[in-house]
């Protein structure tokens, strides 16, 4: 049986019936089974097997994450990748985290590197609620700017109250006067390529794109980079690295490309 411990919650891949062996060995308050993950917001459907609360605080890579596993997802398989990205960020970089969730990438960057600012965009109100909590919990209010909205249109001034470009400029000391970023993280899968045009348009000359994709194994070295080259429309695209995150399904892998675009 596969299981993972997230804070004080144990997540099982099926209901074993007798939970005593887990309760006797592991320091957990709650045991759940995740049945499905739904839609664009990646919202879990769970079965509560033991306990009452589905909210916990999880510690990873020196970062604290407050989350409710009945409302938002957590991927243990991305642990190393979250820290790898944080180590790549140089001093005073302006970073855009396009699918921020509860701060999976933004938090390690703010804690373990020295960016000028991280703009963290999240469309799911439940995830955004915990993103804001985690910014306070980790005391990185001066580093991370959370924005609720769709990362495809949030910089077009059409995403809703208080999140147009002018307000971002005011709150961030006008660092976005040219509306561009040194590094952009696209930590989402399945439909990430639909956002490549927006991401590449926001990237500084010589900036770095971290593009995630779920791809058939036989296409790993071709499809993701070709998608970027096509959208870049004549810009110089330099593939720095392909990182295999984990198996997504039989014959399909979750990979991330580090790409420099000039």
C-alpha atoms as a PDB file:
ATOM      1  CA  UNK A   1       0.000   0.000   0.000  1.00  0.00           C
ATOM      2  CA  UNK A   2       1.237   3.478  -0.891  1.00  0.00           C
ATOM      3  CA  UNK A   3       0.977   6.237   1.685  1.00  0.00           C
ATOM      4  CA  UNK A   4       2.361   9.674   2.442  1.00  0.00           C
ATOM      5  CA  UNK A   5       2.363  11.769   5.577  1.00  0.00           C
ATOM      6  CA  UNK A   6       1.557  15.454   5.171  1.00  0.00           C
ATOM      7  CA  UNK A   7       1.841  17.319   8.447  1.00  0.00           C
ATOM      8  CA  UNK A   8      -0.357  15.408  10.893  1.00  0.00           C
ATOM      9  CA  UNK A   9      -2.420  13.786   8.129  1.00  0.00           C
ATOM     10  CA  UNK A  10      -1.796  10.374   6.568  1.00  0.00           C
ATOM     11  CA  UNK A  11      -2.892   9.927   2.951  1.00  0.00           C
ATOM     12  CA  UNK A  12      -3.534   6.356   1.746  1.00  0.00           C
ATOM     13  CA  UNK A  13      -4.129   5.120  -1.788  1.00  0.00           C
ATOM     14  CA  UNK A  14      -6.991   2.848  -0.658  1.00  0.00           C
ATOM     15  CA  UNK A  15      -8.984   1.981   2.447  1.00  0.00           C
ATOM     16  CA  UNK A  16      -7.293  -0.943   4.234  1.00  0.00           C
ATOM     17  CA  UNK A  17     -10.070  -1.351   6.789  1.00  0.00           C
ATOM     18  CA  UNK A  18      -7.873  -1.851   9.855  1.00  0.00           C
ATOM     19  CA  UNK A  19      -6.068   1.451  10.546  1.00  0.00           C
ATOM     20  CA  UNK A  20      -4.524   0.441  13.865  1.00  0.00           C
ATOM     21  CA  UNK A  21      -1.085  -0.324  12.388  1.00  0.00           C
ATOM     22  CA  UNK A  22      -0.833   3.239  11.091  1.00  0.00           C
ATOM     23  CA  UNK A  23      -2.192   4.879  14.227  1.00  0.00           C
ATOM     24  CA  UNK A  24       0.196   2.889  16.434  1.00  0.00           C
ATOM     25  CA  UNK A  25       3.321   3.719  14.418  1.00  0.00           C
ATOM     26  CA  UNK A  26       2.751   7.194  12.969  1.00  0.00           C
ATOM     27  CA  UNK A  27       2.078  10.474  14.757  1.00  0.00           C
ATOM     28  CA  UNK A  28      -1.061  11.511  12.863  1.00  0.00           C
ATOM     29  CA  UNK A  29      -4.432  12.982  13.803  1.00  0.00           C
ATOM     30  CA  UNK A  30      -6.263  12.196  10.572  1.00  0.00           C
ATOM     31  CA  UNK A  31      -6.214   9.497   7.901  1.00  0.00           C
ATOM     32  CA  UNK A  32      -7.728  10.131   4.474  1.00  0.00           C
ATOM     33  CA  UNK A  33      -7.957   8.550   1.051  1.00  0.00           C
ATOM     34  CA  UNK A  34      -7.871  10.838  -2.001  1.00  0.00           C
ATOM     35  CA  UNK A  35     -10.396   9.461  -4.480  1.00  0.00           C
ATOM     36  CA  UNK A  36     -10.068  11.921  -7.378  1.00  0.00           C
ATOM     37  CA  UNK A  37      -8.581  15.283  -8.381  1.00  0.00           C
ATOM     38  CA  UNK A  38     -11.052  17.503 -10.210  1.00  0.00           C
ATOM     39  CA  UNK A  39     -10.718  20.177 -12.884  1.00  0.00           C
ATOM     40  CA  UNK A  40      -8.519  23.184 -13.550  1.00  0.00           C
ATOM     41  CA  UNK A  41      -8.392  24.029  -9.853  1.00  0.00           C
ATOM     42  CA  UNK A  42      -7.017  20.547  -9.051  1.00  0.00           C
ATOM     43  CA  UNK A  43      -9.489  20.102  -6.190  1.00  0.00           C
ATOM     44  CA  UNK A  44      -9.355  16.769  -4.328  1.00  0.00           C
ATOM     45  CA  UNK A  45     -12.263  14.524  -3.500  1.00  0.00           C
ATOM     46  CA  UNK A  46     -11.423  12.647  -0.299  1.00  0.00           C
ATOM     47  CA  UNK A  47     -12.722   9.905   1.957  1.00  0.00           C
ATOM     48  CA  UNK A  48     -12.194  10.604   5.663  1.00  0.00           C
ATOM     49  CA  UNK A  49     -11.065   7.332   7.273  1.00  0.00           C
ATOM     50  CA  UNK A  50     -10.064   8.566  10.733  1.00  0.00           C
ATOM     51  CA  UNK A  51     -10.147  11.836  12.642  1.00  0.00           C
ATOM     52  CA  UNK A  52     -12.008  15.076  12.079  1.00  0.00           C
ATOM     53  CA  UNK A  53      -9.737  17.788  10.706  1.00  0.00           C
ATOM     54  CA  UNK A  54      -8.295  17.898   7.189  1.00  0.00           C
ATOM     55  CA  UNK A  55      -6.235  21.034   7.853  1.00  0.00           C
ATOM     56  CA  UNK A  56      -2.596  20.745   8.896  1.00  0.00           C
ATOM     57  CA  UNK A  57       0.818  22.427   8.744  1.00  0.00           C
ATOM     58  CA  UNK A  58       3.424  20.570   6.720  1.00  0.00           C
ATOM     59  CA  UNK A  59       7.148  21.312   6.865  1.00  0.00           C
ATOM     60  CA  UNK A  60       9.345  20.803   3.808  1.00  0.00           C
ATOM     61  CA  UNK A  61      12.743  22.212   2.874  1.00  0.00           C
ATOM     62  CA  UNK A  62      12.629  24.576   5.847  1.00  0.00           C
ATOM     63  CA  UNK A  63       9.268  26.010   4.720  1.00  0.00           C
ATOM     64  CA  UNK A  64       5.914  25.782   6.480  1.00  0.00           C
ATOM     65  CA  UNK A  65       2.760  25.078   4.507  1.00  0.00           C
ATOM     66  CA  UNK A  66      -0.682  25.447   6.020  1.00  0.00           C
ATOM     67  CA  UNK A  67      -3.226  23.576   3.883  1.00  0.00           C
ATOM     68  CA  UNK A  68      -6.549  21.755   3.917  1.00  0.00           C
ATOM     69  CA  UNK A  69      -6.250  18.454   2.069  1.00  0.00           C
ATOM     70  CA  UNK A  70      -9.984  18.382   1.391  1.00  0.00           C
ATOM     71  CA  UNK A  71      -9.610  21.582  -0.637  1.00  0.00           C
ATOM     72  CA  UNK A  72      -6.086  21.704  -2.109  1.00  0.00           C
ATOM     73  CA  UNK A  73      -3.604  19.092  -3.313  1.00  0.00           C
ATOM     74  CA  UNK A  74      -0.055  18.346  -2.237  1.00  0.00           C
ATOM     75  CA  UNK A  75       2.486  16.494  -4.375  1.00  0.00           C
ATOM     76  CA  UNK A  76       5.308  14.838  -2.429  1.00  0.00           C
ATOM     77  CA  UNK A  77       6.959  13.914  -5.737  1.00  0.00           C
ATOM     78  CA  UNK A  78       7.906  17.540  -6.417  1.00  0.00           C
ATOM     79  CA  UNK A  79       9.901  18.018  -3.189  1.00  0.00           C
ATOM     80  CA  UNK A  80      13.355  18.049  -4.791  1.00  0.00           C
ATOM     81  CA  UNK A  81      12.212  20.180  -7.715  1.00  0.00           C
ATOM     82  CA  UNK A  82      10.886  22.918  -5.431  1.00  0.00           C
ATOM     83  CA  UNK A  83      14.285  23.208  -3.757  1.00  0.00           C
ATOM     84  CA  UNK A  84      16.212  22.899  -7.030  1.00  0.00           C
ATOM     85  CA  UNK A  85      14.472  25.969  -8.427  1.00  0.00           C
ATOM     86  CA  UNK A  86      15.085  27.976  -5.252  1.00  0.00           C
ATOM     87  CA  UNK A  87      18.833  27.313  -5.575  1.00  0.00           C
ATOM     88  CA  UNK A  88      18.864  28.612  -9.168  1.00  0.00           C
ATOM     89  CA  UNK A  89      17.424  32.051  -8.336  1.00  0.00           C
ATOM     90  CA  UNK A  90      20.052  34.803  -8.270  1.00  0.00           C
ATOM     91  CA  UNK A  91      20.070  37.889  -6.046  1.00  0.00           C
ATOM     92  CA  UNK A  92      17.520  40.578  -6.933  1.00  0.00           C
ATOM     93  CA  UNK A  93      15.687  38.541  -9.539  1.00  0.00           C
ATOM     94  CA  UNK A  94      12.061  39.356 -10.261  1.00  0.00           C
ATOM     95  CA  UNK A  95      10.242  36.031 -10.404  1.00  0.00           C
ATOM     96  CA  UNK A  96       6.777  35.148 -11.667  1.00  0.00           C
ATOM     97  CA  UNK A  97       5.140  31.995 -10.278  1.00  0.00           C
ATOM     98  CA  UNK A  98       2.261  31.512 -12.722  1.00  0.00           C
ATOM     99  CA  UNK A  99       0.426  28.662 -10.980  1.00  0.00           C
ATOM    100  CA  UNK A 100       1.413  29.339  -7.403  1.00  0.00           C
ATOM    101  CA  UNK A 101      -1.034  27.149  -5.498  1.00  0.00           C
ATOM    102  CA  UNK A 102      -0.353  27.506  -1.782  1.00  0.00           C
ATOM    103  CA  UNK A 103       3.212  28.664  -2.477  1.00  0.00           C
ATOM    104  CA  UNK A 104       4.891  25.398  -3.443  1.00  0.00           C
ATOM    105  CA  UNK A 105       7.678  27.169  -5.383  1.00  0.00           C
ATOM    106  CA  UNK A 106       7.296  30.734  -4.118  1.00  0.00           C
ATOM    107  CA  UNK A 107       7.971  29.875  -0.488  1.00  0.00           C
ATOM    108  CA  UNK A 108      11.363  28.127  -0.988  1.00  0.00           C
ATOM    109  CA  UNK A 109      12.479  30.902  -3.338  1.00  0.00           C
ATOM    110  CA  UNK A 110      11.638  33.599  -0.796  1.00  0.00           C
ATOM    111  CA  UNK A 111      13.268  31.698   2.080  1.00  0.00           C
ATOM    112  CA  UNK A 112      16.359  30.162   0.470  1.00  0.00           C
ATOM    113  CA  UNK A 113      17.300  32.765  -2.146  1.00  0.00           C
ATOM    114  CA  UNK A 114      17.267  36.546  -2.324  1.00  0.00           C
ATOM    115  CA  UNK A 115      14.810  37.682  -5.011  1.00  0.00           C
ATOM    116  CA  UNK A 116      13.737  41.289  -5.357  1.00  0.00           C
ATOM    117  CA  UNK A 117      10.139  40.131  -5.633  1.00  0.00           C
ATOM    118  CA  UNK A 118       8.126  36.994  -6.323  1.00  0.00           C
ATOM    119  CA  UNK A 119       4.745  37.549  -7.934  1.00  0.00           C
ATOM    120  CA  UNK A 120       2.596  34.505  -7.092  1.00  0.00           C
ATOM    121  CA  UNK A 121      -0.596  34.111  -9.136  1.00  0.00           C
ATOM    122  CA  UNK A 122      -3.280  31.579  -8.212  1.00  0.00           C
ATOM    123  CA  UNK A 123      -6.759  31.153  -9.698  1.00  0.00           C
ATOM    124  CA  UNK A 124      -8.270  28.845  -7.051  1.00  0.00           C
ATOM    125  CA  UNK A 125      -9.712  30.878  -4.132  1.00  0.00           C
ATOM    126  CA  UNK A 126      -9.106  28.005  -1.690  1.00  0.00           C
ATOM    127  CA  UNK A 127      -5.432  27.712  -2.651  1.00  0.00           C
ATOM    128  CA  UNK A 128      -5.087  31.500  -2.646  1.00  0.00           C
ATOM    129  CA  UNK A 129      -6.411  31.638   0.922  1.00  0.00           C
ATOM    130  CA  UNK A 130      -3.610  29.320   2.066  1.00  0.00           C
ATOM    131  CA  UNK A 131      -1.032  31.070  -0.109  1.00  0.00           C
ATOM    132  CA  UNK A 132      -1.699  34.267   1.852  1.00  0.00           C
ATOM    133  CA  UNK A 133      -1.591  32.383   5.165  1.00  0.00           C
ATOM    134  CA  UNK A 134       1.723  30.763   4.248  1.00  0.00           C
ATOM    135  CA  UNK A 135       3.307  34.070   3.312  1.00  0.00           C
ATOM    136  CA  UNK A 136       2.566  35.299   6.845  1.00  0.00           C
ATOM    137  CA  UNK A 137       3.460  31.950   8.456  1.00  0.00           C
ATOM    138  CA  UNK A 138       6.914  32.034   6.828  1.00  0.00           C
ATOM    139  CA  UNK A 139       7.351  35.797   7.393  1.00  0.00           C
ATOM    140  CA  UNK A 140       8.065  36.577   3.725  1.00  0.00           C
ATOM    141  CA  UNK A 141       5.538  39.397   3.213  1.00  0.00           C
ATOM    142  CA  UNK A 142       8.274  41.643   1.824  1.00  0.00           C
ATOM    143  CA  UNK A 143       9.265  39.050  -0.795  1.00  0.00           C
ATOM    144  CA  UNK A 144       6.027  37.571  -2.161  1.00  0.00           C
ATOM    145  CA  UNK A 145       3.129  39.430  -3.751  1.00  0.00           C
ATOM    146  CA  UNK A 146       0.047  37.145  -3.986  1.00  0.00           C
ATOM    147  CA  UNK A 147      -2.489  37.751  -6.738  1.00  0.00           C
ATOM    148  CA  UNK A 148      -5.841  36.001  -7.149  1.00  0.00           C
ATOM    149  CA  UNK A 149      -6.596  35.572 -10.837  1.00  0.00           C
ATOM    150  CA  UNK A 150      -5.945  33.823 -14.114  1.00  0.00           C
ATOM    151  CA  UNK A 151      -2.270  34.208 -15.029  1.00  0.00           C
ATOM    152  CA  UNK A 152      -3.207  34.617 -18.685  1.00  0.00           C
ATOM    153  CA  UNK A 153      -5.043  37.913 -18.185  1.00  0.00           C
ATOM    154  CA  UNK A 154      -4.020  39.243 -14.768  1.00  0.00           C
ATOM    155  CA  UNK A 155      -1.454  41.603 -16.308  1.00  0.00           C
ATOM    156  CA  UNK A 156      -3.921  42.912 -18.866  1.00  0.00           C
ATOM    157  CA  UNK A 157      -5.730  44.929 -16.199  1.00  0.00           C
ATOM    158  CA  UNK A 158      -8.862  42.814 -16.566  1.00  0.00           C
ATOM    159  CA  UNK A 159      -8.562  40.347 -13.720  1.00  0.00           C
ATOM    160  CA  UNK A 160     -10.701  42.127 -11.138  1.00  0.00           C
ATOM    161  CA  UNK A 161     -10.520  44.563  -8.266  1.00  0.00           C
ATOM    162  CA  UNK A 162      -7.079  45.662  -7.030  1.00  0.00           C
ATOM    163  CA  UNK A 163      -5.063  43.364  -9.281  1.00  0.00           C
ATOM    164  CA  UNK A 164      -4.384  45.441 -12.355  1.00  0.00           C
ATOM    165  CA  UNK A 165      -0.884  46.457 -13.370  1.00  0.00           C
ATOM    166  CA  UNK A 166      -1.029  49.905 -11.768  1.00  0.00           C
ATOM    167  CA  UNK A 167      -1.817  48.479  -8.347  1.00  0.00           C
ATOM    168  CA  UNK A 168       0.940  45.887  -8.666  1.00  0.00           C
ATOM    169  CA  UNK A 169       3.390  48.678  -9.500  1.00  0.00           C
ATOM    170  CA  UNK A 170       2.341  50.702  -6.473  1.00  0.00           C
ATOM    171  CA  UNK A 171       2.665  47.820  -4.045  1.00  0.00           C
ATOM    172  CA  UNK A 172       5.949  46.543  -5.472  1.00  0.00           C
ATOM    173  CA  UNK A 173       7.824  49.817  -5.681  1.00  0.00           C
ATOM    174  CA  UNK A 174       7.263  50.147  -9.420  1.00  0.00           C
ATOM    175  CA  UNK A 175       9.584  47.244 -10.229  1.00  0.00           C
ATOM    176  CA  UNK A 176       7.173  46.187 -12.981  1.00  0.00           C
ATOM    177  CA  UNK A 177       7.307  49.342 -15.064  1.00  0.00           C
ATOM    178  CA  UNK A 178       8.462  47.270 -18.061  1.00  0.00           C
ATOM    179  CA  UNK A 179       6.173  44.344 -17.223  1.00  0.00           C
ATOM    180  CA  UNK A 180       8.853  41.680 -17.485  1.00  0.00           C
ATOM    181  CA  UNK A 181      10.467  39.009 -15.342  1.00  0.00           C
ATOM    182  CA  UNK A 182      13.907  37.455 -14.958  1.00  0.00           C
ATOM    183  CA  UNK A 183      12.469  33.996 -14.256  1.00  0.00           C
ATOM    184  CA  UNK A 184       9.038  32.468 -14.803  1.00  0.00           C
ATOM    185  CA  UNK A 185       7.858  29.221 -13.225  1.00  0.00           C
ATOM    186  CA  UNK A 186       5.109  27.277 -14.991  1.00  0.00           C
ATOM    187  CA  UNK A 187       4.587  24.578 -12.351  1.00  0.00           C
ATOM    188  CA  UNK A 188       1.397  23.090 -13.757  1.00  0.00           C
ATOM    189  CA  UNK A 189       0.715  20.153 -16.076  1.00  0.00           C
ATOM    190  CA  UNK A 190      -1.731  18.997 -18.776  1.00  0.00           C
ATOM    191  CA  UNK A 191      -2.617  22.420 -20.234  1.00  0.00           C
ATOM    192  CA  UNK A 192       0.535  24.390 -19.403  1.00  0.00           C
ATOM    193  CA  UNK A 193       1.412  24.871 -23.078  1.00  0.00           C
ATOM    194  CA  UNK A 194      -1.726  26.997 -23.499  1.00  0.00           C
ATOM    195  CA  UNK A 195       0.006  29.657 -21.362  1.00  0.00           C
ATOM    196  CA  UNK A 196       3.364  29.689 -23.150  1.00  0.00           C
ATOM    197  CA  UNK A 197       2.503  32.753 -25.218  1.00  0.00           C
ATOM    198  CA  UNK A 198       1.718  34.783 -22.093  1.00  0.00           C
ATOM    199  CA  UNK A 199       4.834  33.556 -20.289  1.00  0.00           C
ATOM    200  CA  UNK A 200       7.279  34.207 -23.112  1.00  0.00           C
ATOM    201  CA  UNK A 201       5.799  37.664 -23.640  1.00  0.00           C
ATOM    202  CA  UNK A 202       6.501  38.532 -19.988  1.00  0.00           C
ATOM    203  CA  UNK A 203      10.066  37.206 -19.914  1.00  0.00           C
ATOM    204  CA  UNK A 204      13.068  39.546 -19.901  1.00  0.00           C
ATOM    205  CA  UNK A 205      15.634  39.248 -22.673  1.00  0.00           C
ATOM    206  CA  UNK A 206      17.838  36.377 -21.522  1.00  0.00           C
ATOM    207  CA  UNK A 207      15.307  35.324 -18.893  1.00  0.00           C
ATOM    208  CA  UNK A 208      14.728  31.743 -17.739  1.00  0.00           C
ATOM    209  CA  UNK A 209      11.524  29.764 -18.214  1.00  0.00           C
ATOM    210  CA  UNK A 210      10.799  26.644 -16.133  1.00  0.00           C
ATOM    211  CA  UNK A 211       8.161  24.869 -18.215  1.00  0.00           C
ATOM    212  CA  UNK A 212       6.374  21.775 -16.850  1.00  0.00           C
ATOM    213  CA  UNK A 213       4.659  19.242 -19.089  1.00  0.00           C
ATOM    214  CA  UNK A 214       3.259  15.717 -18.930  1.00  0.00           C
ATOM    215  CA  UNK A 215       4.591  14.049 -22.061  1.00  0.00           C
ATOM    216  CA  UNK A 216       4.830  10.543 -23.575  1.00  0.00           C
ATOM    217  CA  UNK A 217       8.308   9.205 -22.830  1.00  0.00           C
ATOM    218  CA  UNK A 218       9.196   8.875 -26.522  1.00  0.00           C
ATOM    219  CA  UNK A 219       8.480  12.610 -27.030  1.00  0.00           C
ATOM    220  CA  UNK A 220      10.337  14.022 -24.002  1.00  0.00           C
ATOM    221  CA  UNK A 221      13.239  15.371 -26.054  1.00  0.00           C
ATOM    222  CA  UNK A 222      11.091  16.834 -28.830  1.00  0.00           C
ATOM    223  CA  UNK A 223       7.545  17.927 -28.039  1.00  0.00           C
ATOM    224  CA  UNK A 224       8.092  20.280 -25.052  1.00  0.00           C
ATOM    225  CA  UNK A 225      11.018  22.205 -26.544  1.00  0.00           C
ATOM    226  CA  UNK A 226       9.354  22.383 -29.975  1.00  0.00           C
ATOM    227  CA  UNK A 227       6.281  23.950 -28.383  1.00  0.00           C
ATOM    228  CA  UNK A 228       8.461  26.632 -26.810  1.00  0.00           C
ATOM    229  CA  UNK A 229      10.377  27.287 -30.048  1.00  0.00           C
ATOM    230  CA  UNK A 230       7.118  27.648 -31.981  1.00  0.00           C
ATOM    231  CA  UNK A 231       5.654  30.192 -29.544  1.00  0.00           C
ATOM    232  CA  UNK A 232       8.975  32.075 -29.212  1.00  0.00           C
ATOM    233  CA  UNK A 233       8.656  33.046 -32.920  1.00  0.00           C
ATOM    234  CA  UNK A 234      12.280  33.513 -33.928  1.00  0.00           C
ATOM    235  CA  UNK A 235      13.725  34.355 -30.516  1.00  0.00           C
ATOM    236  CA  UNK A 236      16.833  32.450 -29.486  1.00  0.00           C
ATOM    237  CA  UNK A 237      15.813  29.456 -27.382  1.00  0.00           C
ATOM    238  CA  UNK A 238      18.547  27.685 -25.413  1.00  0.00           C
ATOM    239  CA  UNK A 239      17.652  24.454 -23.643  1.00  0.00           C
ATOM    240  CA  UNK A 240      19.605  24.411 -20.383  1.00  0.00           C
ATOM    241  CA  UNK A 241      18.202  21.265 -18.807  1.00  0.00           C
ATOM    242  CA  UNK A 242      15.428  18.677 -18.908  1.00  0.00           C
ATOM    243  CA  UNK A 243      14.494  17.437 -15.450  1.00  0.00           C
ATOM    244  CA  UNK A 244      12.411  14.287 -15.053  1.00  0.00           C
ATOM    245  CA  UNK A 245      10.165  14.879 -12.021  1.00  0.00           C
ATOM    246  CA  UNK A 246       8.250  11.605 -11.814  1.00  0.00           C
ATOM    247  CA  UNK A 247       6.175   9.073 -13.698  1.00  0.00           C
ATOM    248  CA  UNK A 248       2.725  10.530 -14.354  1.00  0.00           C
ATOM    249  CA  UNK A 249       1.127   7.383 -15.803  1.00  0.00           C
ATOM    250  CA  UNK A 250       2.360   4.334 -17.745  1.00  0.00           C
ATOM    251  CA  UNK A 251       4.516   5.611 -20.604  1.00  0.00           C
ATOM    252  CA  UNK A 252       4.032   9.262 -19.586  1.00  0.00           C
ATOM    253  CA  UNK A 253       6.408  11.401 -17.505  1.00  0.00           C
ATOM    254  CA  UNK A 254       6.163  14.742 -15.755  1.00  0.00           C
ATOM    255  CA  UNK A 255       9.167  16.777 -16.889  1.00  0.00           C
ATOM    256  CA  UNK A 256      10.350  20.367 -16.536  1.00  0.00           C
ATOM    257  CA  UNK A 257      12.488  22.227 -19.076  1.00  0.00           C
ATOM    258  CA  UNK A 258      14.836  25.032 -18.031  1.00  0.00           C
ATOM    259  CA  UNK A 259      15.004  27.304 -21.054  1.00  0.00           C
ATOM    260  CA  UNK A 260      16.795  30.607 -21.668  1.00  0.00           C
ATOM    261  CA  UNK A 261      15.054  32.890 -24.169  1.00  0.00           C
ATOM    262  CA  UNK A 262      16.815  35.856 -25.788  1.00  0.00           C
END
